[in-house]
Amino acid sequence: MKGYGQYCPLAIASEVLGERWTLLVLRELILGSTRFNAIHRGVPRMSPSLLSTRLKMLERAGIIRREPEGDHVGYHLTEAGAALAPAVESLAIWSREWLPATLSDARADPDLVMWDMHRRMDAEKLPATRTVIRFEFDDQPKIKRLRWIIADRSDVDLCITDPGFDVDLYVTASSRTVTLVWYGDLPLNQAIRDGLIRLHGPPALCTAFPSWLRLNLLAGIPRKRQAALLTSG
């Protein structure tokens, strides 16, 4: 990124943080992802080579550090990086409150929502035994149509290919519907009641399903521009 040529703290910060994808990489680090593959699953449309470049830039800036984690390398926020968390959170809250929420086909990406969902499952309310939930996004091409969450009270995994276990609960919806629900723009119970999200499985699991999802961290923040929620192709 070309510098601004200004000895101004905001300009200097923008030179470090203003590159495309950088703030989203920071979001994943702040939310606890440390492995390269985990970070990449939170920014699925970012190429691995570009992610590697951004991580190296953040390391040079003293925002993250690399540490060995068994056979892998872990990326961790430094003190300077952790100090960015309130600023990143404030920016996300401001966007939620004030910017128009335009949901296009490109932005209704089920992989980002599913990755966030798997780490936001309410472990205390999940069944004690392993439960396999198959999600079918009926508006997506074959490669993104099916996703599986395997969960119990001690661990939650997300699979993009069939894990080979019997499915306990089937969830069918469009990726648009799930995105709107996940970010708090459509109540989950309303989406189920209106048939926008269809559940198939034992009645006890269908009834309990809404209690397992804690939704996105920003879902509870009311929009100050309610009429701005749009959909576009």
Protein backbone atom coordinates (compact mmCIF):
# COMPACT_ATOMS: atom_id res chain seq x y z
CA MET A 1 0.00 0.00 0.00
CA LYS A 2 1.34 3.41 -0.95
CA GLY A 3 1.96 5.64 2.07
CA TYR A 4 0.09 8.87 2.72
CA GLY A 5 3.22 10.95 3.29
CA GLN A 6 1.82 12.39 6.51
CA TYR A 7 3.32 12.30 9.99
CA CYS A 8 -0.12 11.73 11.43
CA PRO A 9 -0.96 8.76 13.70
CA LEU A 10 -4.17 8.01 11.79
CA ALA A 11 -2.34 8.08 8.46
CA ILE A 12 0.37 5.78 9.78
CA ALA A 13 -2.19 3.37 11.23
CA SER A 14 -4.04 3.36 7.91
CA GLU A 15 -0.85 2.39 6.11
CA VAL A 16 -0.68 -0.74 8.28
CA LEU A 17 -4.37 -1.61 8.62
CA GLY A 18 -5.88 -0.20 5.43
CA GLU A 19 -4.80 -2.96 3.08
CA ARG A 20 -7.65 -5.12 1.75
CA TRP A 21 -8.50 -8.05 4.05
CA THR A 22 -6.23 -6.91 6.90
CA LEU A 23 -9.03 -5.94 9.28
CA LEU A 24 -10.83 -9.21 8.59
CA VAL A 25 -7.67 -11.18 9.34
CA LEU A 26 -7.43 -9.24 12.60
CA ARG A 27 -11.06 -10.09 13.32
CA GLU A 28 -10.25 -13.80 13.12
CA LEU A 29 -7.20 -13.41 15.36
CA ILE A 30 -9.21 -11.42 17.89
CA LEU A 31 -11.90 -14.12 17.88
CA GLY A 32 -9.29 -16.70 18.81
CA SER A 33 -8.11 -18.33 15.58
CA THR A 34 -4.38 -19.06 15.71
CA ARG A 35 -3.69 -21.65 12.99
CA PHE A 36 -3.30 -20.58 9.38
CA ASN A 37 -6.10 -22.85 8.15
CA ALA A 38 -8.47 -21.66 10.87
CA ILE A 39 -7.80 -18.02 10.01
CA HIS A 40 -8.34 -18.80 6.33
CA ARG A 41 -11.70 -20.43 7.00
CA GLY A 42 -12.85 -17.12 8.46
CA VAL A 43 -11.82 -15.30 5.25
CA PRO A 44 -12.71 -18.01 2.70
CA ARG A 45 -12.54 -15.70 -0.33
CA MET A 46 -8.99 -14.61 0.45
CA SER A 47 -6.24 -16.51 -1.35
CA PRO A 48 -3.79 -18.42 0.89
CA SER A 49 -0.85 -16.55 -0.63
CA LEU A 50 -2.41 -13.17 0.16
CA LEU A 51 -3.20 -14.31 3.70
CA SER A 52 0.42 -15.31 4.14
CA THR A 53 1.49 -11.87 2.91
CA ARG A 54 -0.86 -10.08 5.32
CA LEU A 55 0.29 -12.18 8.27
CA LYS A 56 3.91 -11.37 7.51
CA MET A 57 3.04 -7.67 7.31
CA LEU A 58 1.25 -7.78 10.68
CA GLU A 59 4.25 -9.57 12.18
CA ARG A 60 6.65 -6.93 10.87
CA ALA A 61 4.42 -4.24 12.36
CA GLY A 62 4.59 -5.93 15.77
CA ILE A 63 0.86 -6.68 15.83
CA ILE A 64 1.20 -10.47 15.84
CA ARG A 65 3.92 -12.96 16.65
CA ARG A 66 4.52 -16.51 15.49
CA GLU A 67 4.88 -19.31 18.01
CA PRO A 68 5.40 -23.06 17.53
CA GLU A 69 2.32 -25.15 18.34
CA GLY A 70 3.33 -28.78 18.02
CA ASP A 71 3.92 -29.48 14.34
CA HIS A 72 2.37 -26.16 13.33
CA VAL A 73 2.97 -22.47 13.68
CA GLY A 74 0.51 -20.39 15.66
CA TYR A 75 -0.23 -16.72 15.13
CA HIS A 76 -0.94 -14.72 18.27
CA LEU A 77 -1.71 -11.10 18.99
CA THR A 78 1.03 -9.14 20.72
CA GLU A 79 0.21 -6.54 23.34
CA ALA A 80 -0.09 -4.01 20.52
CA GLY A 81 -2.40 -6.35 18.61
CA ALA A 82 -4.63 -7.00 21.61
CA ALA A 83 -4.92 -3.24 22.09
CA LEU A 84 -6.53 -3.06 18.63
CA ALA A 85 -9.47 -5.24 19.68
CA PRO A 86 -11.65 -2.41 21.06
CA ALA A 87 -11.07 -0.33 17.91
CA VAL A 88 -11.99 -3.23 15.61
CA GLU A 89 -15.07 -3.98 17.71
CA SER A 90 -16.14 -0.31 17.68
CA LEU A 91 -15.79 -0.16 13.90
CA ALA A 92 -17.93 -3.28 13.50
CA ILE A 93 -20.59 -1.88 15.85
CA TRP A 94 -20.62 1.45 13.99
CA SER A 95 -21.09 -0.40 10.69
CA ARG A 96 -23.90 -2.47 12.16
CA GLU A 97 -25.70 0.62 13.42
CA TRP A 98 -25.20 3.09 10.61
CA LEU A 99 -24.25 1.54 7.27
CA PRO A 100 -26.84 0.16 4.83
CA ALA A 101 -27.09 -3.61 5.09
CA THR A 102 -27.04 -4.79 1.49
CA LEU A 103 -27.25 -8.56 1.14
CA SER A 104 -26.20 -9.65 -2.34
CA ASP A 105 -25.60 -13.19 -3.56
CA ALA A 106 -21.86 -12.61 -3.12
CA ARG A 107 -22.28 -11.53 0.51
CA ALA A 108 -24.55 -14.42 1.46
CA ASP A 109 -21.54 -16.73 1.81
CA PRO A 110 -22.52 -19.80 3.83
CA ASP A 111 -18.92 -20.74 4.60
CA LEU A 112 -18.29 -17.60 6.68
CA VAL A 113 -21.59 -17.99 8.53
CA MET A 114 -20.99 -21.70 9.18
CA TRP A 115 -17.47 -21.06 10.48
CA ASP A 116 -18.80 -18.40 12.85
CA MET A 117 -21.72 -20.62 13.81
CA HIS A 118 -19.54 -23.57 14.78
CA ARG A 119 -17.56 -21.46 17.22
CA ARG A 120 -20.70 -19.82 18.65
CA MET A 121 -22.63 -22.98 19.51
CA ASP A 122 -23.85 -22.97 23.10
CA ALA A 123 -22.03 -26.02 24.43
CA GLU A 124 -24.04 -26.17 27.65
CA LYS A 125 -27.29 -26.60 25.72
CA LEU A 126 -26.04 -29.18 23.22
CA PRO A 127 -26.87 -32.87 23.70
CA ALA A 128 -24.35 -34.73 25.82
CA THR A 129 -23.76 -37.26 23.06
CA ARG A 130 -22.43 -36.56 19.58
CA THR A 131 -24.98 -34.81 17.39
CA VAL A 132 -24.55 -34.45 13.63
CA ILE A 133 -26.36 -31.56 11.96
CA ARG A 134 -26.48 -31.40 8.18
CA PHE A 135 -27.11 -28.00 6.63
CA GLU A 136 -28.34 -27.79 3.05
CA PHE A 137 -28.23 -24.39 1.33
CA ASP A 138 -30.74 -24.80 -1.46
CA ASP A 139 -29.58 -21.68 -3.35
CA GLN A 140 -25.91 -22.70 -3.56
CA PRO A 141 -23.98 -24.70 -6.16
CA LYS A 142 -23.04 -28.29 -5.34
CA ILE A 143 -19.62 -27.40 -3.90
CA LYS A 144 -21.19 -25.19 -1.20
CA ARG A 145 -24.57 -26.83 -0.86
CA LEU A 146 -23.91 -29.16 2.11
CA ARG A 147 -22.11 -28.51 5.39
CA TRP A 148 -22.01 -30.57 8.59
CA ILE A 149 -21.59 -29.57 12.22
CA ILE A 150 -20.56 -32.36 14.60
CA ALA A 151 -21.16 -31.25 18.16
CA ASP A 152 -21.29 -32.32 21.76
CA ARG A 153 -20.70 -30.45 25.00
CA SER A 154 -16.92 -30.75 24.77
CA ASP A 155 -16.21 -30.03 21.12
CA VAL A 156 -17.75 -28.64 17.93
CA ASP A 157 -16.35 -29.35 14.46
CA LEU A 158 -17.33 -28.05 11.03
CA CYS A 159 -16.99 -30.32 7.99
CA ILE A 160 -17.25 -29.32 4.34
CA THR A 161 -17.35 -32.95 3.21
CA ASP A 162 -19.52 -35.78 4.49
CA PRO A 163 -17.96 -36.96 7.78
CA GLY A 164 -19.55 -40.38 7.39
CA PHE A 165 -21.70 -40.29 10.53
CA ASP A 166 -25.45 -40.76 10.67
CA VAL A 167 -27.21 -37.41 10.57
CA ASP A 168 -29.36 -36.53 13.59
CA LEU A 169 -30.87 -33.26 12.37
CA TYR A 170 -31.35 -31.87 8.86
CA VAL A 171 -31.52 -28.09 8.34
CA THR A 172 -32.55 -26.73 4.93
CA ALA A 173 -32.63 -23.03 4.00
CA SER A 174 -31.23 -20.50 1.58
CA SER A 175 -27.89 -18.95 2.42
CA ARG A 176 -29.61 -15.53 2.39
CA THR A 177 -32.04 -16.64 5.10
CA VAL A 178 -29.29 -18.08 7.29
CA THR A 179 -27.19 -14.94 6.86
CA LEU A 180 -30.09 -12.67 7.85
CA VAL A 181 -30.81 -14.84 10.89
CA TRP A 182 -27.19 -15.08 11.92
CA TYR A 183 -26.66 -11.31 11.92
CA GLY A 184 -29.93 -10.62 13.74
CA ASP A 185 -31.94 -9.16 10.86
CA LEU A 186 -34.49 -11.99 10.86
CA PRO A 187 -35.59 -13.74 14.08
CA LEU A 188 -34.67 -17.41 14.03
CA ASN A 189 -38.00 -18.61 15.40
CA GLN A 190 -39.85 -16.54 12.80
CA ALA A 191 -37.75 -18.03 9.99
CA ILE A 192 -38.60 -21.54 11.24
CA ARG A 193 -42.28 -20.70 11.72
CA ASP A 194 -42.52 -19.22 8.21
CA GLY A 195 -40.85 -22.24 6.63
CA LEU A 196 -37.75 -20.32 5.55
CA ILE A 197 -35.67 -22.69 7.68
CA ARG A 198 -36.91 -26.26 7.58
CA LEU A 199 -35.90 -28.79 10.24
CA HIS A 200 -36.19 -32.56 9.88
CA GLY A 201 -35.36 -34.95 12.67
CA PRO A 202 -36.53 -36.05 16.11
CA PRO A 203 -39.00 -33.51 17.56
CA ALA A 204 -36.81 -32.98 20.65
CA LEU A 205 -33.84 -31.94 18.50
CA CYS A 206 -35.97 -29.71 16.25
CA THR A 207 -37.34 -27.96 19.33
CA ALA A 208 -33.92 -27.56 20.94
CA PHE A 209 -32.10 -26.38 17.80
CA PRO A 210 -32.74 -22.61 18.25
CA SER A 211 -31.27 -22.75 21.76
CA TRP A 212 -27.97 -24.09 20.43
CA LEU A 213 -27.24 -20.99 18.34
CA ARG A 214 -25.92 -17.87 20.05
CA LEU A 215 -25.83 -15.93 16.76
CA ASN A 216 -23.16 -13.44 15.71
CA LEU A 217 -21.69 -11.16 18.37
CA LEU A 218 -23.29 -8.15 16.65
CA ALA A 219 -26.75 -9.68 16.21
CA GLY A 220 -28.15 -8.06 19.34
CA ILE A 221 -27.16 -4.53 18.35
CA PRO A 222 -30.15 -2.68 16.88
CA ARG A 223 -29.75 -0.95 13.55
CA LYS A 224 -30.30 2.78 13.55
CA ARG A 225 -31.29 2.54 9.88
CA GLN A 226 -33.83 -0.26 9.95
CA ALA A 227 -35.23 0.66 6.54
CA ALA A 228 -31.78 0.29 4.97
CA LEU A 229 -31.84 -3.51 4.92
CA LEU A 230 -31.82 -4.38 1.24
CA THR A 231 -31.39 -7.44 -0.90
CA SER A 232 -29.87 -7.39 -4.33
CA GLY A 233 -28.81 -9.94 -6.88
